[in-house]
């Protein structure tokens, strides 16, 4: 796999925890501190669809069981 990203560059991390790198083709990546889990690459267009799906699911569960 070709490395097309610079994960350790601080300029790719907004506010220290939001990853935004247009050169990185991955959707889900490890956080800078690996024990903290995974995050989305918000420069990838699919990340917004993924977040919208999660929000829609949560709202569905809240209002369906009301």
N, C-alpha and C. Protein backbone atom coordinates (compact mmCIF):
# COMPACT_ATOMS: atom_id res chain seq x y z
N UNK A 1 0.85 -1.18 0.00
CA UNK A 1 0.00 0.00 0.00
C UNK A 1 0.89 1.24 0.00
N UNK A 2 0.58 2.15 -0.88
CA UNK A 2 1.34 3.39 -0.98
C UNK A 2 0.93 4.34 0.15
N UNK A 3 1.90 4.92 0.79
CA UNK A 3 1.61 5.87 1.86
C UNK A 3 1.37 7.25 1.24
N UNK A 4 0.11 7.67 1.20
CA UNK A 4 -0.25 8.94 0.59
C UNK A 4 -0.75 9.95 1.63
N UNK A 5 -0.21 9.85 2.82
CA UNK A 5 -0.68 10.72 3.90
C UNK A 5 0.48 11.06 4.82
N UNK A 6 0.25 12.01 5.69
CA UNK A 6 1.23 12.40 6.69
C UNK A 6 0.49 12.51 8.03
N UNK A 7 0.28 11.36 8.64
CA UNK A 7 -0.53 11.25 9.85
C UNK A 7 0.03 12.06 11.02
N UNK A 8 1.34 12.15 11.13
CA UNK A 8 1.95 12.80 12.29
C UNK A 8 2.09 14.32 12.16
N UNK A 9 1.76 14.85 11.01
CA UNK A 9 1.87 16.30 10.80
C UNK A 9 0.80 17.02 11.61
N UNK A 10 1.17 17.92 12.51
CA UNK A 10 0.17 18.63 13.33
C UNK A 10 -0.79 19.50 12.53
N UNK A 11 -0.42 19.88 11.33
CA UNK A 11 -1.31 20.70 10.51
C UNK A 11 -2.51 19.90 9.99
N UNK A 12 -2.44 18.58 10.04
CA UNK A 12 -3.56 17.74 9.62
C UNK A 12 -4.56 17.48 10.73
N UNK A 13 -4.28 17.97 11.91
CA UNK A 13 -5.15 17.79 13.07
C UNK A 13 -5.71 19.14 13.49
N UNK A 14 -7.01 19.32 13.35
CA UNK A 14 -7.68 20.56 13.74
C UNK A 14 -8.10 20.46 15.21
N UNK A 15 -7.78 21.45 15.99
CA UNK A 15 -8.07 21.51 17.42
C UNK A 15 -7.52 20.30 18.15
N UNK A 16 -6.50 19.66 17.60
CA UNK A 16 -5.83 18.56 18.26
C UNK A 16 -6.49 17.21 18.15
N UNK A 17 -7.76 17.14 17.69
CA UNK A 17 -8.43 15.84 17.66
C UNK A 17 -9.23 15.55 16.40
N UNK A 18 -9.39 16.52 15.52
CA UNK A 18 -10.14 16.32 14.27
C UNK A 18 -9.14 16.20 13.13
N UNK A 19 -9.15 15.05 12.47
CA UNK A 19 -8.19 14.78 11.40
C UNK A 19 -8.78 15.27 10.08
N UNK A 20 -8.02 16.08 9.34
CA UNK A 20 -8.46 16.64 8.06
C UNK A 20 -7.26 16.68 7.13
N UNK A 21 -7.20 15.70 6.22
CA UNK A 21 -6.08 15.61 5.29
C UNK A 21 -6.61 15.16 3.93
N UNK A 22 -6.61 16.06 2.95
CA UNK A 22 -7.13 15.74 1.62
C UNK A 22 -6.27 14.74 0.87
N UNK A 23 -5.00 14.63 1.23
CA UNK A 23 -4.11 13.69 0.55
C UNK A 23 -4.28 12.26 1.05
N UNK A 24 -4.92 12.09 2.18
CA UNK A 24 -5.12 10.77 2.78
C UNK A 24 -6.42 10.18 2.24
N UNK A 25 -6.35 9.00 1.62
CA UNK A 25 -7.53 8.39 1.02
C UNK A 25 -8.33 7.54 2.00
N UNK A 26 -7.83 7.36 3.22
CA UNK A 26 -8.53 6.53 4.20
C UNK A 26 -9.69 7.30 4.82
N UNK A 27 -10.77 6.58 5.13
CA UNK A 27 -11.93 7.18 5.79
C UNK A 27 -11.76 7.13 7.31
N UNK A 28 -11.37 5.98 7.83
CA UNK A 28 -11.21 5.80 9.27
C UNK A 28 -9.72 5.59 9.56
N UNK A 29 -9.21 6.35 10.50
CA UNK A 29 -7.79 6.27 10.84
C UNK A 29 -7.61 6.21 12.35
N UNK A 30 -6.43 5.79 12.77
CA UNK A 30 -6.10 5.80 14.20
C UNK A 30 -5.87 7.22 14.66
N UNK A 31 -6.22 7.48 15.91
CA UNK A 31 -5.93 8.79 16.49
C UNK A 31 -4.44 8.94 16.73
N UNK A 32 -4.00 10.15 16.99
CA UNK A 32 -2.57 10.37 17.24
C UNK A 32 -2.10 9.58 18.44
N UNK A 33 -2.92 9.54 19.47
CA UNK A 33 -2.65 8.69 20.63
C UNK A 33 -3.43 7.40 20.39
N UNK A 34 -2.73 6.35 20.01
CA UNK A 34 -3.39 5.14 19.51
C UNK A 34 -4.33 4.49 20.50
N UNK A 35 -4.07 4.56 21.80
CA UNK A 35 -4.94 3.92 22.78
C UNK A 35 -6.30 4.60 22.88
N UNK A 36 -6.43 5.78 22.28
CA UNK A 36 -7.71 6.50 22.32
C UNK A 36 -8.67 6.04 21.24
N UNK A 37 -8.22 5.21 20.30
CA UNK A 37 -9.14 4.64 19.33
C UNK A 37 -8.97 5.19 17.91
N UNK A 38 -10.09 5.35 17.25
CA UNK A 38 -10.12 5.71 15.84
C UNK A 38 -10.90 7.01 15.63
N UNK A 39 -10.70 7.63 14.48
CA UNK A 39 -11.44 8.83 14.12
C UNK A 39 -11.67 8.85 12.62
N UNK A 40 -12.49 9.76 12.16
CA UNK A 40 -12.76 9.90 10.73
C UNK A 40 -11.84 10.94 10.12
N UNK A 41 -11.56 10.78 8.85
CA UNK A 41 -10.84 11.80 8.10
C UNK A 41 -11.91 12.73 7.52
N UNK A 42 -12.07 13.91 8.08
CA UNK A 42 -13.14 14.80 7.67
C UNK A 42 -12.87 15.50 6.34
N UNK A 43 -11.76 15.22 5.71
CA UNK A 43 -11.52 15.69 4.35
C UNK A 43 -12.09 14.70 3.34
N UNK A 44 -12.42 13.50 3.80
CA UNK A 44 -13.01 12.47 2.94
C UNK A 44 -14.52 12.71 2.87
N UNK A 45 -15.11 12.82 1.67
CA UNK A 45 -16.54 13.14 1.55
C UNK A 45 -17.46 12.13 2.25
N UNK A 46 -17.07 10.88 2.31
CA UNK A 46 -17.92 9.87 2.92
C UNK A 46 -18.04 10.05 4.44
N UNK A 47 -17.13 10.77 5.05
CA UNK A 47 -17.20 10.95 6.50
C UNK A 47 -18.46 11.72 6.90
N UNK A 48 -18.89 12.66 6.08
CA UNK A 48 -20.10 13.42 6.39
C UNK A 48 -21.35 12.57 6.24
N UNK A 49 -21.36 11.66 5.26
CA UNK A 49 -22.48 10.72 5.14
C UNK A 49 -22.52 9.77 6.33
N UNK A 50 -21.36 9.34 6.77
CA UNK A 50 -21.26 8.46 7.93
C UNK A 50 -21.80 9.16 9.18
N UNK A 51 -21.41 10.39 9.40
CA UNK A 51 -21.89 11.15 10.57
C UNK A 51 -23.39 11.42 10.47
N UNK A 52 -23.88 11.73 9.27
CA UNK A 52 -25.32 11.97 9.07
C UNK A 52 -26.11 10.70 9.37
N UNK A 53 -25.59 9.55 8.95
CA UNK A 53 -26.26 8.28 9.22
C UNK A 53 -26.35 8.02 10.73
N UNK A 54 -25.27 8.26 11.45
CA UNK A 54 -25.27 8.05 12.90
C UNK A 54 -26.26 9.00 13.57
N UNK A 55 -26.27 10.26 13.16
CA UNK A 55 -27.22 11.23 13.73
C UNK A 55 -28.66 10.83 13.43
N UNK A 56 -28.94 10.40 12.21
CA UNK A 56 -30.29 9.97 11.84
C UNK A 56 -30.71 8.75 12.66
N UNK A 57 -29.80 7.83 12.87
CA UNK A 57 -30.12 6.64 13.66
C UNK A 57 -30.43 7.01 15.11
N UNK A 58 -29.64 7.88 15.69
CA UNK A 58 -29.88 8.30 17.08
C UNK A 58 -31.21 9.03 17.20
N UNK A 59 -31.48 9.94 16.27
CA UNK A 59 -32.76 10.66 16.31
C UNK A 59 -33.94 9.71 16.10
N UNK A 60 -33.79 8.73 15.24
CA UNK A 60 -34.83 7.72 15.02
C UNK A 60 -35.11 6.97 16.31
N UNK A 61 -34.07 6.54 16.99
CA UNK A 61 -34.24 5.79 18.24
C UNK A 61 -34.88 6.66 19.32
N UNK A 62 -34.52 7.92 19.38
CA UNK A 62 -35.09 8.81 20.41
C UNK A 62 -36.58 9.03 20.17
N UNK A 63 -36.95 9.34 18.93
CA UNK A 63 -38.34 9.69 18.64
C UNK A 63 -39.22 8.48 18.39
N UNK A 64 -38.67 7.35 18.03
CA UNK A 64 -39.47 6.15 17.79
C UNK A 64 -39.95 5.55 19.10
N UNK A 65 -39.12 5.59 20.12
CA UNK A 65 -39.44 4.99 21.40
C UNK A 65 -40.01 5.98 22.41
N UNK A 66 -40.47 7.09 21.95
CA UNK A 66 -41.00 8.13 22.83
C UNK A 66 -42.42 7.81 23.27
